[in-house]
Structures are given as C-alpha cells and as structure tokens.
C-alpha cells in the first residue's frame, strides 16, 4: 500500500526574536521574524498561478532569500489596572507570505487599551 505524503511548506530557517525595555511606567518593544523561502511548493500553486494570471515564479525569485518582518510597540501604564499601547505590525510594509499562497497583512497600527478587572 503506498504511503500518503503530506504537504509541508516548512521553512528551512526560522528566526524569531523579541526584546522589551521598561522604565517605570513606559515600555518599548521590538519583534523580528525571519523565514527562509519554503522549499516544498506543491505543483497546484503553479497551476493556480497560471489559471489566475499570477506569476508565482516571479514572487519566488523576489523572495528567494526569505523575508525579515519587524514589529514595534510602545506602552504606558496609566495605573496598576490600565495600560495604553501603540502597536505597529510589519514596520517595513514588506509583502510576504509565511505559507505559499497566503499573503500576510500589510503594515498596520493598533491602539490598545487594556483594563484588568
């Protein structure tokens, strides 16, 4: 009986890092992510890119060295129970996909208010 192979778009190299500095009620954080190009791409993507007029090979050539994505955050603790944060995701506005065919969101900003009850 033949074995069933499972599609795996795993990256050969992954780097994730996060650092945060706090001083009194203020904190500043930075997150970095690197993912190398997923090497195992199913043939269905070649067919789908042809059907929908998307040049998947051009995307692969542009991202063959992988993608670095950076996030930042700034937070202020208004009280012991209330914290206000400004979060910036994908600071460089990089067009990237962690999994083939699923594009990640562009740069976005979030204002967050956390209240502990």
PDB file of N, CA and C in Angstrom:
ATOM      1  N   UNK A   1       0.849  -1.180   0.000  1.00  0.00           N
ATOM      2  CA  UNK A   1       0.000   0.000   0.000  1.00  0.00           C
ATOM      3  C   UNK A   1       0.895   1.244   0.000  1.00  0.00           C
ATOM      4  N   UNK A   2       0.664   2.175  -0.939  1.00  0.00           N
ATOM      5  CA  UNK A   2       1.518   3.368  -0.987  1.00  0.00           C
ATOM      6  C   UNK A   2       1.268   4.262   0.223  1.00  0.00           C
ATOM      7  N   UNK A   3       2.338   4.908   0.649  1.00  0.00           N
ATOM      8  CA  UNK A   3       2.196   5.827   1.780  1.00  0.00           C
ATOM      9  C   UNK A   3       1.728   7.178   1.278  1.00  0.00           C
ATOM     10  N   UNK A   4       0.963   7.835   2.069  1.00  0.00           N
ATOM     11  CA  UNK A   4       0.422   9.146   1.714  1.00  0.00           C
ATOM     12  C   UNK A   4       1.408  10.210   2.182  1.00  0.00           C
ATOM     13  N   UNK A   5       1.854  11.050   1.268  1.00  0.00           N
ATOM     14  CA  UNK A   5       2.772  12.110   1.654  1.00  0.00           C
ATOM     15  C   UNK A   5       1.976  13.357   1.994  1.00  0.00           C
ATOM     16  N   UNK A   6       2.423  14.032   2.981  1.00  0.00           N
ATOM     17  CA  UNK A   6       1.740  15.240   3.441  1.00  0.00           C
ATOM     18  C   UNK A   6       2.510  16.451   2.947  1.00  0.00           C
ATOM     19  N   UNK A   7       1.794  17.444   2.457  1.00  0.00           N
ATOM     20  CA  UNK A   7       2.437  18.683   2.015  1.00  0.00           C
ATOM     21  C   UNK A   7       2.994  19.398   3.231  1.00  0.00           C
ATOM     22  N   UNK A   8       4.243  19.786   3.131  1.00  0.00           N
ATOM     23  CA  UNK A   8       4.879  20.511   4.215  1.00  0.00           C
ATOM     24  C   UNK A   8       5.627  21.696   3.630  1.00  0.00           C
ATOM     25  N   UNK A   9       5.172  22.900   3.903  1.00  0.00           N
ATOM     26  CA  UNK A   9       5.843  24.088   3.375  1.00  0.00           C
ATOM     27  C   UNK A   9       6.799  24.654   4.417  1.00  0.00           C
ATOM     28  N   UNK A  10       7.369  23.787   5.222  1.00  0.00           N
ATOM     29  CA  UNK A  10       8.236  24.245   6.302  1.00  0.00           C
ATOM     30  C   UNK A  10       9.434  25.009   5.764  1.00  0.00           C
ATOM     31  N   UNK A  11       9.788  26.037   6.473  1.00  0.00           N
ATOM     32  CA  UNK A  11      10.974  26.812   6.144  1.00  0.00           C
ATOM     33  C   UNK A  11      12.190  26.076   6.694  1.00  0.00           C
ATOM     34  N   UNK A  12      13.264  26.130   5.966  1.00  0.00           N
ATOM     35  CA  UNK A  12      14.495  25.510   6.453  1.00  0.00           C
ATOM     36  C   UNK A  12      15.057  26.323   7.619  1.00  0.00           C
ATOM     37  N   UNK A  13      14.933  27.655   7.540  1.00  0.00           N
ATOM     38  CA  UNK A  13      15.476  28.525   8.576  1.00  0.00           C
ATOM     39  C   UNK A  13      14.398  29.453   9.109  1.00  0.00           C
ATOM     40  N   UNK A  14      14.285  29.514  10.418  1.00  0.00           N
ATOM     41  CA  UNK A  14      13.357  30.426  11.095  1.00  0.00           C
ATOM     42  C   UNK A  14      14.101  31.128  12.220  1.00  0.00           C
ATOM     43  N   UNK A  15      13.897  32.417  12.315  1.00  0.00           N
ATOM     44  CA  UNK A  15      14.452  33.185  13.428  1.00  0.00           C
ATOM     45  C   UNK A  15      13.324  34.033  13.982  1.00  0.00           C
ATOM     46  N   UNK A  16      13.159  33.982  15.270  1.00  0.00           N
ATOM     47  CA  UNK A  16      12.176  34.840  15.937  1.00  0.00           C
ATOM     48  C   UNK A  16      12.849  35.455  17.159  1.00  0.00           C
ATOM     49  N   UNK A  17      12.639  36.727  17.326  1.00  0.00           N
ATOM     50  CA  UNK A  17      13.227  37.401  18.478  1.00  0.00           C
ATOM     51  C   UNK A  17      12.307  38.486  18.989  1.00  0.00           C
ATOM     52  N   UNK A  18      12.379  38.717  20.275  1.00  0.00           N
ATOM     53  CA  UNK A  18      11.559  39.755  20.894  1.00  0.00           C
ATOM     54  C   UNK A  18      12.348  40.347  22.044  1.00  0.00           C
ATOM     55  N   UNK A  19      12.363  41.657  22.114  1.00  0.00           N
ATOM     56  CA  UNK A  19      13.053  42.330  23.204  1.00  0.00           C
ATOM     57  C   UNK A  19      12.166  43.471  23.690  1.00  0.00           C
ATOM     58  N   UNK A  20      12.189  43.692  24.998  1.00  0.00           N
ATOM     59  CA  UNK A  20      11.377  44.774  25.560  1.00  0.00           C
ATOM     60  C   UNK A  20      12.157  45.447  26.677  1.00  0.00           C
ATOM     61  N   UNK A  21      12.124  46.774  26.663  1.00  0.00           N
ATOM     62  CA  UNK A  21      12.747  47.575  27.704  1.00  0.00           C
ATOM     63  C   UNK A  21      11.649  48.311  28.457  1.00  0.00           C
ATOM     64  N   UNK A  22      11.759  48.317  29.768  1.00  0.00           N
ATOM     65  CA  UNK A  22      10.776  49.022  30.588  1.00  0.00           C
ATOM     66  C   UNK A  22      11.496  49.975  31.530  1.00  0.00           C
ATOM     67  N   UNK A  23      10.910  51.138  31.695  1.00  0.00           N
ATOM     68  CA  UNK A  23      11.409  52.115  32.648  1.00  0.00           C
ATOM     69  C   UNK A  23      10.206  52.774  33.302  1.00  0.00           C
ATOM     70  N   UNK A  24      10.076  52.517  34.580  1.00  0.00           N
ATOM     71  CA  UNK A  24       8.928  52.993  35.346  1.00  0.00           C
ATOM     72  C   UNK A  24       7.635  52.544  34.665  1.00  0.00           C
ATOM     73  N   UNK A  25       6.824  53.453  34.153  1.00  0.00           N
ATOM     74  CA  UNK A  25       5.529  53.079  33.562  1.00  0.00           C
ATOM     75  C   UNK A  25       5.566  52.963  32.039  1.00  0.00           C
ATOM     76  N   UNK A  26       6.725  53.180  31.449  1.00  0.00           N
ATOM     77  CA  UNK A  26       6.865  53.176  29.997  1.00  0.00           C
ATOM     78  C   UNK A  26       7.610  51.917  29.542  1.00  0.00           C
ATOM     79  N   UNK A  27       7.154  51.324  28.460  1.00  0.00           N
ATOM     80  CA  UNK A  27       7.870  50.174  27.903  1.00  0.00           C
ATOM     81  C   UNK A  27       7.928  50.289  26.382  1.00  0.00           C
ATOM     82  N   UNK A  28       9.022  49.781  25.823  1.00  0.00           N
ATOM     83  CA  UNK A  28       9.279  49.828  24.393  1.00  0.00           C
ATOM     84  C   UNK A  28       9.695  48.423  23.966  1.00  0.00           C
ATOM     85  N   UNK A  29       9.031  47.897  22.924  1.00  0.00           N
ATOM     86  CA  UNK A  29       9.316  46.534  22.490  1.00  0.00           C
ATOM     87  C   UNK A  29       9.541  46.438  20.997  1.00  0.00           C
ATOM     88  N   UNK A  30      10.284  45.408  20.606  1.00  0.00           N
ATOM     89  CA  UNK A  30      10.632  45.184  19.202  1.00  0.00           C
ATOM     90  C   UNK A  30      10.613  43.682  18.946  1.00  0.00           C
ATOM     91  N   UNK A  31       9.984  43.276  17.850  1.00  0.00           N
ATOM     92  CA  UNK A  31       9.915  41.877  17.465  1.00  0.00           C
ATOM     93  C   UNK A  31      10.435  41.732  16.048  1.00  0.00           C
ATOM     94  N   UNK A  32      11.206  40.681  15.813  1.00  0.00           N
ATOM     95  CA  UNK A  32      11.731  40.417  14.471  1.00  0.00           C
ATOM     96  C   UNK A  32      11.455  38.956  14.127  1.00  0.00           C
ATOM     97  N   UNK A  33      11.151  38.727  12.858  1.00  0.00           N
ATOM     98  CA  UNK A  33      10.873  37.378  12.357  1.00  0.00           C
ATOM     99  C   UNK A  33      11.573  37.223  11.013  1.00  0.00           C
ATOM    100  N   UNK A  34      12.258  36.107  10.837  1.00  0.00           N
ATOM    101  CA  UNK A  34      12.835  35.772   9.542  1.00  0.00           C
ATOM    102  C   UNK A  34      12.394  34.370   9.165  1.00  0.00           C
ATOM    103  N   UNK A  35      11.915  34.228   7.956  1.00  0.00           N
ATOM    104  CA  UNK A  35      11.579  32.912   7.437  1.00  0.00           C
ATOM    105  C   UNK A  35      12.188  32.759   6.063  1.00  0.00           C
ATOM    106  N   UNK A  36      12.995  31.708   5.880  1.00  0.00           N
ATOM    107  CA  UNK A  36      13.562  31.463   4.554  1.00  0.00           C
ATOM    108  C   UNK A  36      12.448  30.994   3.620  1.00  0.00           C
ATOM    109  N   UNK A  37      12.753  30.936   2.353  1.00  0.00           N
ATOM    110  CA  UNK A  37      11.763  30.518   1.369  1.00  0.00           C
ATOM    111  C   UNK A  37      11.347  29.080   1.639  1.00  0.00           C
ATOM    112  N   UNK A  38      10.047  28.820   1.616  1.00  0.00           N
ATOM    113  CA  UNK A  38       9.551  27.451   1.780  1.00  0.00           C
ATOM    114  C   UNK A  38       9.957  26.655   0.542  1.00  0.00           C
ATOM    115  N   UNK A  39      10.685  25.588   0.743  1.00  0.00           N
ATOM    116  CA  UNK A  39      11.268  24.857  -0.384  1.00  0.00           C
ATOM    117  C   UNK A  39      10.313  23.873  -1.044  1.00  0.00           C
ATOM    118  N   UNK A  40       9.382  23.347  -0.304  1.00  0.00           N
ATOM    119  CA  UNK A  40       8.461  22.358  -0.867  1.00  0.00           C
ATOM    120  C   UNK A  40       7.158  23.042  -1.240  1.00  0.00           C
ATOM    121  N   UNK A  41       7.033  23.373  -2.508  1.00  0.00           N
ATOM    122  CA  UNK A  41       5.842  24.059  -3.007  1.00  0.00           C
ATOM    123  C   UNK A  41       5.061  23.069  -3.867  1.00  0.00           C
ATOM    124  N   UNK A  42       3.805  22.819  -3.551  1.00  0.00           N
ATOM    125  CA  UNK A  42       3.021  21.874  -4.352  1.00  0.00           C
ATOM    126  C   UNK A  42       2.814  22.372  -5.786  1.00  0.00           C
ATOM    127  N   UNK A  43       2.722  21.459  -6.689  1.00  0.00           N
ATOM    128  CA  UNK A  43       2.514  21.797  -8.101  1.00  0.00           C
ATOM    129  C   UNK A  43       1.188  22.524  -8.329  1.00  0.00           C
ATOM    130  N   UNK A  44       0.240  22.356  -7.424  1.00  0.00           N
ATOM    131  CA  UNK A  44      -1.064  23.013  -7.571  1.00  0.00           C
ATOM    132  C   UNK A  44      -0.906  24.534  -7.622  1.00  0.00           C
ATOM    133  N   UNK A  45       0.140  25.074  -6.968  1.00  0.00           N
ATOM    134  CA  UNK A  45       0.360  26.514  -6.992  1.00  0.00           C
ATOM    135  C   UNK A  45       0.762  26.989  -8.384  1.00  0.00           C
ATOM    136  N   UNK A  46       1.527  26.162  -9.094  1.00  0.00           N
ATOM    137  CA  UNK A  46       1.892  26.512 -10.465  1.00  0.00           C
ATOM    138  C   UNK A  46       0.650  26.555 -11.335  1.00  0.00           C
ATOM    139  N   UNK A  47      -0.210  25.569 -11.182  1.00  0.00           N
ATOM    140  CA  UNK A  47      -1.458  25.535 -11.946  1.00  0.00           C
ATOM    141  C   UNK A  47      -2.360  26.705 -11.566  1.00  0.00           C
ATOM    142  N   UNK A  48      -2.517  26.952 -10.276  1.00  0.00           N
ATOM    143  CA  UNK A  48      -3.384  28.044  -9.817  1.00  0.00           C
ATOM    144  C   UNK A  48      -2.859  29.394 -10.290  1.00  0.00           C
ATOM    145  N   UNK A  49      -1.547  29.581 -10.247  1.00  0.00           N
ATOM    146  CA  UNK A  49      -0.994  30.860 -10.689  1.00  0.00           C
ATOM    147  C   UNK A  49      -1.233  31.065 -12.188  1.00  0.00           C
ATOM    148  N   UNK A  50      -1.190  29.986 -12.958  1.00  0.00           N
ATOM    149  CA  UNK A  50      -1.487  30.086 -14.392  1.00  0.00           C
ATOM    150  C   UNK A  50      -2.954  30.436 -14.616  1.00  0.00           C
ATOM    151  N   UNK A  51      -3.856  29.753 -13.898  1.00  0.00           N
ATOM    152  CA  UNK A  51      -5.291  29.980 -14.074  1.00  0.00           C
ATOM    153  C   UNK A  51      -5.720  31.391 -13.693  1.00  0.00           C
ATOM    154  N   UNK A  52      -5.085  31.948 -12.642  1.00  0.00           N
ATOM    155  CA  UNK A  52      -5.479  33.265 -12.146  1.00  0.00           C
ATOM    156  C   UNK A  52      -4.577  34.385 -12.653  1.00  0.00           C
ATOM    157  N   UNK A  53      -3.630  34.047 -13.525  1.00  0.00           N
ATOM    158  CA  UNK A  53      -2.781  35.074 -14.121  1.00  0.00           C
ATOM    159  C   UNK A  53      -1.774  35.673 -13.158  1.00  0.00           C
ATOM    160  N   UNK A  54      -1.356  34.920 -12.150  1.00  0.00           N
ATOM    161  CA  UNK A  54      -0.385  35.414 -11.172  1.00  0.00           C
ATOM    162  C   UNK A  54       0.954  34.743 -11.443  1.00  0.00           C
ATOM    163  N   UNK A  55       2.015  35.506 -11.466  1.00  0.00           N
ATOM    164  CA  UNK A  55       3.350  34.961 -11.727  1.00  0.00           C
ATOM    165  C   UNK A  55       3.994  34.530 -10.414  1.00  0.00           C
ATOM    166  N   UNK A  56       3.674  33.311  -9.988  1.00  0.00           N
ATOM    167  CA  UNK A  56       4.189  32.768  -8.736  1.00  0.00           C
ATOM    168  C   UNK A  56       5.713  32.653  -8.777  1.00  0.00           C
ATOM    169  N   UNK A  57       6.266  32.343  -9.943  1.00  0.00           N
ATOM    170  CA  UNK A  57       7.717  32.224 -10.074  1.00  0.00           C
ATOM    171  C   UNK A  57       8.409  33.566  -9.857  1.00  0.00           C
ATOM    172  N   UNK A  58       7.798  34.657 -10.299  1.00  0.00           N
ATOM    173  CA  UNK A  58       8.370  35.992 -10.071  1.00  0.00           C
ATOM    174  C   UNK A  58       8.395  36.296  -8.578  1.00  0.00           C
ATOM    175  N   UNK A  59       7.307  35.955  -7.869  1.00  0.00           N
ATOM    176  CA  UNK A  59       7.272  36.157  -6.412  1.00  0.00           C
ATOM    177  C   UNK A  59       8.391  35.348  -5.760  1.00  0.00           C
ATOM    178  N   UNK A  60       8.567  34.111  -6.207  1.00  0.00           N
ATOM    179  CA  UNK A  60       9.607  33.260  -5.632  1.00  0.00           C
ATOM    180  C   UNK A  60      10.997  33.856  -5.884  1.00  0.00           C
ATOM    181  N   UNK A  61      11.246  34.365  -7.073  1.00  0.00           N
ATOM    182  CA  UNK A  61      12.546  34.968  -7.371  1.00  0.00           C
ATOM    183  C   UNK A  61      12.808  36.193  -6.489  1.00  0.00           C
ATOM    184  N   UNK A  62      11.771  36.995  -6.237  1.00  0.00           N
ATOM    185  CA  UNK A  62      11.928  38.199  -5.412  1.00  0.00           C
ATOM    186  C   UNK A  62      12.145  37.872  -3.938  1.00  0.00           C
ATOM    187  N   UNK A  63      11.661  36.723  -3.492  1.00  0.00           N
ATOM    188  CA  UNK A  63      11.717  36.374  -2.069  1.00  0.00           C
ATOM    189  C   UNK A  63      12.585  35.145  -1.813  1.00  0.00           C
ATOM    190  N   UNK A  64      13.453  34.803  -2.737  1.00  0.00           N
ATOM    191  CA  UNK A  64      14.247  33.586  -2.623  1.00  0.00           C
ATOM    192  C   UNK A  64      15.169  33.611  -1.394  1.00  0.00           C
ATOM    193  N   UNK A  65      15.547  34.786  -0.928  1.00  0.00           N
ATOM    194  CA  UNK A  65      16.399  34.897   0.258  1.00  0.00           C
ATOM    195  C   UNK A  65      15.595  34.986   1.551  1.00  0.00           C
ATOM    196  N   UNK A  66      14.294  34.796   1.475  1.00  0.00           N
ATOM    197  CA  UNK A  66      13.460  34.842   2.670  1.00  0.00           C
ATOM    198  C   UNK A  66      12.971  36.244   2.984  1.00  0.00           C
ATOM    199  N   UNK A  67      12.291  36.363   4.100  1.00  0.00           N
ATOM    200  CA  UNK A  67      11.687  37.637   4.491  1.00  0.00           C
ATOM    201  C   UNK A  67      11.987  37.977   5.942  1.00  0.00           C
ATOM    202  N   UNK A  68      12.402  39.215   6.159  1.00  0.00           N
ATOM    203  CA  UNK A  68      12.545  39.767   7.500  1.00  0.00           C
ATOM    204  C   UNK A  68      11.328  40.651   7.763  1.00  0.00           C
ATOM    205  N   UNK A  69      10.661  40.423   8.871  1.00  0.00           N
ATOM    206  CA  UNK A  69       9.485  41.212   9.239  1.00  0.00           C
ATOM    207  C   UNK A  69       9.706  41.744  10.656  1.00  0.00           C
ATOM    208  N   UNK A  70       9.403  43.039  10.858  1.00  0.00           N
ATOM    209  CA  UNK A  70       9.643  43.678  12.151  1.00  0.00           C
ATOM    210  C   UNK A  70       8.385  44.347  12.682  1.00  0.00           C
ATOM    211  N   UNK A  71       8.185  44.232  13.970  1.00  0.00           N
ATOM    212  CA  UNK A  71       7.061  44.871  14.661  1.00  0.00           C
ATOM    213  C   UNK A  71       7.624  45.713  15.808  1.00  0.00           C
ATOM    214  N   UNK A  72       6.883  46.726  16.215  1.00  0.00           N
ATOM    215  CA  UNK A  72       7.292  47.546  17.345  1.00  0.00           C
ATOM    216  C   UNK A  72       6.096  47.893  18.213  1.00  0.00           C
ATOM    217  N   UNK A  73       6.357  48.205  19.456  1.00  0.00           N
ATOM    218  CA  UNK A  73       5.272  48.586  20.363  1.00  0.00           C
ATOM    219  C   UNK A  73       5.788  49.556  21.428  1.00  0.00           C
ATOM    220  N   UNK A  74       4.903  50.417  21.842  1.00  0.00           N
ATOM    221  CA  UNK A  74       5.177  51.398  22.876  1.00  0.00           C
ATOM    222  C   UNK A  74       3.984  51.372  23.816  1.00  0.00           C
ATOM    223  N   UNK A  75       4.242  51.239  25.109  1.00  0.00           N
ATOM    224  CA  UNK A  75       3.137  51.135  26.067  1.00  0.00           C
ATOM    225  C   UNK A  75       3.389  52.040  27.272  1.00  0.00           C
ATOM    226  N   UNK A  76       2.295  52.519  27.824  1.00  0.00           N
ATOM    227  CA  UNK A  76       2.354  53.340  29.036  1.00  0.00           C
ATOM    228  C   UNK A  76       1.319  52.822  30.018  1.00  0.00           C
ATOM    229  N   UNK A  77       1.750  52.588  31.226  1.00  0.00           N
ATOM    230  CA  UNK A  77       0.866  52.076  32.281  1.00  0.00           C
ATOM    231  C   UNK A  77       0.239  53.275  32.998  1.00  0.00           C
ATOM    232  N   UNK A  78      -1.045  53.491  32.715  1.00  0.00           N
ATOM    233  CA  UNK A  78      -1.743  54.629  33.311  1.00  0.00           C
ATOM    234  C   UNK A  78      -1.989  54.423  34.802  1.00  0.00           C
ATOM    235  N   UNK A  79      -2.236  53.178  35.180  1.00  0.00           N
ATOM    236  CA  UNK A  79      -2.400  52.795  36.583  1.00  0.00           C
ATOM    237  C   UNK A  79      -2.074  51.308  36.686  1.00  0.00           C
ATOM    238  N   UNK A  80      -2.255  50.736  37.876  1.00  0.00           N
ATOM    239  CA  UNK A  80      -1.979  49.307  38.055  1.00  0.00           C
ATOM    240  C   UNK A  80      -2.907  48.436  37.212  1.00  0.00           C
ATOM    241  N   UNK A  81      -4.056  48.965  36.835  1.00  0.00           N
ATOM    242  CA  UNK A  81      -5.041  48.178  36.102  1.00  0.00           C
ATOM    243  C   UNK A  81      -5.274  48.637  34.664  1.00  0.00           C
ATOM    244  N   UNK A  82      -4.692  49.751  34.263  1.00  0.00           N
ATOM    245  CA  UNK A  82      -4.945  50.286  32.926  1.00  0.00           C
ATOM    246  C   UNK A  82      -3.628  50.520  32.193  1.00  0.00           C
ATOM    247  N   UNK A  83      -3.550  49.979  30.989  1.00  0.00           N
ATOM    248  CA  UNK A  83      -2.348  50.125  30.164  1.00  0.00           C
ATOM    249  C   UNK A  83      -2.754  50.518  28.743  1.00  0.00           C
ATOM    250  N   UNK A  84      -2.098  51.531  28.203  1.00  0.00           N
ATOM    251  CA  UNK A  84      -2.355  52.009  26.846  1.00  0.00           C
ATOM    252  C   UNK A  84      -1.141  51.665  25.982  1.00  0.00           C
ATOM    253  N   UNK A  85      -1.390  51.026  24.835  1.00  0.00           N
ATOM    254  CA  UNK A  85      -0.299  50.590  23.964  1.00  0.00           C
ATOM    255  C   UNK A  85      -0.531  51.045  22.530  1.00  0.00           C
ATOM    256  N   UNK A  86       0.569  51.355  21.866  1.00  0.00           N
ATOM    257  CA  UNK A  86       0.562  51.626  20.430  1.00  0.00           C
ATOM    258  C   UNK A  86       1.410  50.528  19.796  1.00  0.00           C
ATOM    259  N   UNK A  87       0.824  49.783  18.863  1.00  0.00           N
ATOM    260  CA  UNK A  87       1.485  48.626  18.259  1.00  0.00           C
ATOM    261  C   UNK A  87       1.564  48.828  16.747  1.00  0.00           C
ATOM    262  N   UNK A  88       2.746  48.630  16.191  1.00  0.00           N
ATOM    263  CA  UNK A  88       2.951  48.715  14.747  1.00  0.00           C
ATOM    264  C   UNK A  88       3.419  47.352  14.253  1.00  0.00           C
ATOM    265  N   UNK A  89       2.652  46.748  13.356  1.00  0.00           N
ATOM    266  CA  UNK A  89       2.992  45.437  12.796  1.00  0.00           C
ATOM    267  C   UNK A  89       3.537  45.632  11.384  1.00  0.00           C
ATOM    268  N   UNK A  90       4.527  44.826  11.013  1.00  0.00           N
ATOM    269  CA  UNK A  90       5.139  44.857   9.683  1.00  0.00           C
ATOM    270  C   UNK A  90       5.636  46.275   9.365  1.00  0.00           C
ATOM    271  N   UNK A  91       6.539  46.769  10.191  1.00  0.00           N
ATOM    272  CA  UNK A  91       7.028  48.146  10.084  1.00  0.00           C
ATOM    273  C   UNK A  91       7.560  48.518   8.705  1.00  0.00           C
ATOM    274  N   UNK A  92       8.202  47.608   8.022  1.00  0.00           N
ATOM    275  CA  UNK A  92       8.778  47.913   6.707  1.00  0.00           C
ATOM    276  C   UNK A  92       7.766  47.744   5.579  1.00  0.00           C
ATOM    277  N   UNK A  93       6.553  47.354   5.918  1.00  0.00           N
ATOM    278  CA  UNK A  93       5.471  47.150   4.943  1.00  0.00           C
ATOM    279  C   UNK A  93       5.867  46.132   3.872  1.00  0.00           C
ATOM    280  N   UNK A  94       6.531  45.093   4.306  1.00  0.00           N
ATOM    281  CA  UNK A  94       7.024  44.037   3.416  1.00  0.00           C
ATOM    282  C   UNK A  94       5.870  43.171   2.927  1.00  0.00           C
ATOM    283  N   UNK A  95       5.843  42.888   1.635  1.00  0.00           N
ATOM    284  CA  UNK A  95       4.873  41.943   1.090  1.00  0.00           C
ATOM    285  C   UNK A  95       5.497  40.567   1.240  1.00  0.00           C
ATOM    286  N   UNK A  96       4.849  39.699   2.011  1.00  0.00           N
ATOM    287  CA  UNK A  96       5.431  38.384   2.266  1.00  0.00           C
ATOM    288  C   UNK A  96       4.332  37.371   2.549  1.00  0.00           C
ATOM    289  N   UNK A  97       4.732  36.113   2.495  1.00  0.00           N
ATOM    290  CA  UNK A  97       3.809  35.010   2.776  1.00  0.00           C
ATOM    291  C   UNK A  97       4.550  33.982   3.625  1.00  0.00           C
ATOM    292  N   UNK A  98       4.040  33.691   4.808  1.00  0.00           N
ATOM    293  CA  UNK A  98       4.656  32.655   5.627  1.00  0.00           C
ATOM    294  C   UNK A  98       4.355  31.282   5.061  1.00  0.00           C
ATOM    295  N   UNK A  99       3.206  31.157   4.418  1.00  0.00           N
ATOM    296  CA  UNK A  99       2.834  29.924   3.717  1.00  0.00           C
ATOM    297  C   UNK A  99       2.508  30.297   2.288  1.00  0.00           C
ATOM    298  N   UNK A 100       2.961  29.505   1.329  1.00  0.00           N
ATOM    299  CA  UNK A 100       2.712  29.849  -0.076  1.00  0.00           C
ATOM    300  C   UNK A 100       1.223  30.053  -0.375  1.00  0.00           C
ATOM    301  N   UNK A 101       0.925  31.155  -1.048  1.00  0.00           N
ATOM    302  CA  UNK A 101      -0.446  31.437  -1.455  1.00  0.00           C
ATOM    303  C   UNK A 101      -1.264  32.194  -0.432  1.00  0.00           C
ATOM    304  N   UNK A 102      -0.738  32.384   0.779  1.00  0.00           N
ATOM    305  CA  UNK A 102      -1.481  33.107   1.815  1.00  0.00           C
ATOM    306  C   UNK A 102      -0.668  34.341   2.196  1.00  0.00           C
ATOM    307  N   UNK A 103      -1.032  35.474   1.627  1.00  0.00           N
ATOM    308  CA  UNK A 103      -0.293  36.706   1.875  1.00  0.00           C
ATOM    309  C   UNK A 103      -0.600  37.239   3.268  1.00  0.00           C
ATOM    310  N   UNK A 104       0.430  37.742   3.916  1.00  0.00           N
ATOM    311  CA  UNK A 104       0.288  38.332   5.246  1.00  0.00           C
ATOM    312  C   UNK A 104      -0.163  39.785   5.112  1.00  0.00           C
ATOM    313  N   UNK A 105      -0.754  40.344   6.164  1.00  0.00           N
ATOM    314  CA  UNK A 105      -1.282  41.714   6.060  1.00  0.00           C
ATOM    315  C   UNK A 105      -0.177  42.765   5.919  1.00  0.00           C
ATOM    316  N   UNK A 106      -0.502  43.903   5.293  1.00  0.00           N
ATOM    317  CA  UNK A 106       0.469  44.992   5.174  1.00  0.00           C
ATOM    318  C   UNK A 106       0.657  45.673   6.529  1.00  0.00           C
ATOM    319  N   UNK A 107       1.457  46.716   6.533  1.00  0.00           N
ATOM    320  CA  UNK A 107       1.708  47.465   7.773  1.00  0.00           C
ATOM    321  C   UNK A 107       0.376  47.906   8.370  1.00  0.00           C
ATOM    322  N   UNK A 108       0.268  47.771   9.678  1.00  0.00           N
ATOM    323  CA  UNK A 108      -0.931  48.273  10.341  1.00  0.00           C
ATOM    324  C   UNK A 108      -0.578  48.771  11.725  1.00  0.00           C
ATOM    325  N   UNK A 109      -1.409  49.664  12.227  1.00  0.00           N
ATOM    326  CA  UNK A 109      -1.200  50.279  13.530  1.00  0.00           C
ATOM    327  C   UNK A 109      -2.410  49.994  14.407  1.00  0.00           C
ATOM    328  N   UNK A 110      -2.144  49.722  15.664  1.00  0.00           N
ATOM    329  CA  UNK A 110      -3.215  49.419  16.611  1.00  0.00           C
ATOM    330  C   UNK A 110      -3.011  50.240  17.877  1.00  0.00           C
ATOM    331  N   UNK A 111      -4.083  50.816  18.356  1.00  0.00           N
ATOM    332  CA  UNK A 111      -4.084  51.483  19.652  1.00  0.00           C
ATOM    333  C   UNK A 111      -4.875  50.582  20.582  1.00  0.00           C
ATOM    334  N   UNK A 112      -4.244  50.119  21.648  1.00  0.00           N
ATOM    335  CA  UNK A 112      -4.849  49.125  22.528  1.00  0.00           C
ATOM    336  C   UNK A 112      -4.969  49.675  23.939  1.00  0.00           C
ATOM    337  N   UNK A 113      -6.123  49.486  24.533  1.00  0.00           N
ATOM    338  CA  UNK A 113      -6.350  49.853  25.927  1.00  0.00           C
ATOM    339  C   UNK A 113      -6.672  48.576  26.681  1.00  0.00           C
ATOM    340  N   UNK A 114      -5.840  48.243  27.669  1.00  0.00           N
ATOM    341  CA  UNK A 114      -6.048  47.031  28.475  1.00  0.00           C
ATOM    342  C   UNK A 114      -6.499  47.436  29.874  1.00  0.00           C
ATOM    343  N   UNK A 115      -7.580  46.809  30.304  1.00  0.00           N
ATOM    344  CA  UNK A 115      -8.108  47.067  31.648  1.00  0.00           C
ATOM    345  C   UNK A 115      -8.224  45.747  32.379  1.00  0.00           C
ATOM    346  N   UNK A 116      -7.542  45.626  33.514  1.00  0.00           N
ATOM    347  CA  UNK A 116      -7.629  44.418  34.327  1.00  0.00           C
ATOM    348  C   UNK A 116      -8.800  44.567  35.296  1.00  0.00           C
ATOM    349  N   UNK A 117      -9.672  43.586  35.276  1.00  0.00           N
ATOM    350  CA  UNK A 117     -10.830  43.638  36.173  1.00  0.00           C
ATOM    351  C   UNK A 117     -10.599  42.801  37.410  1.00  0.00           C
TER     352      UNK A 117
END
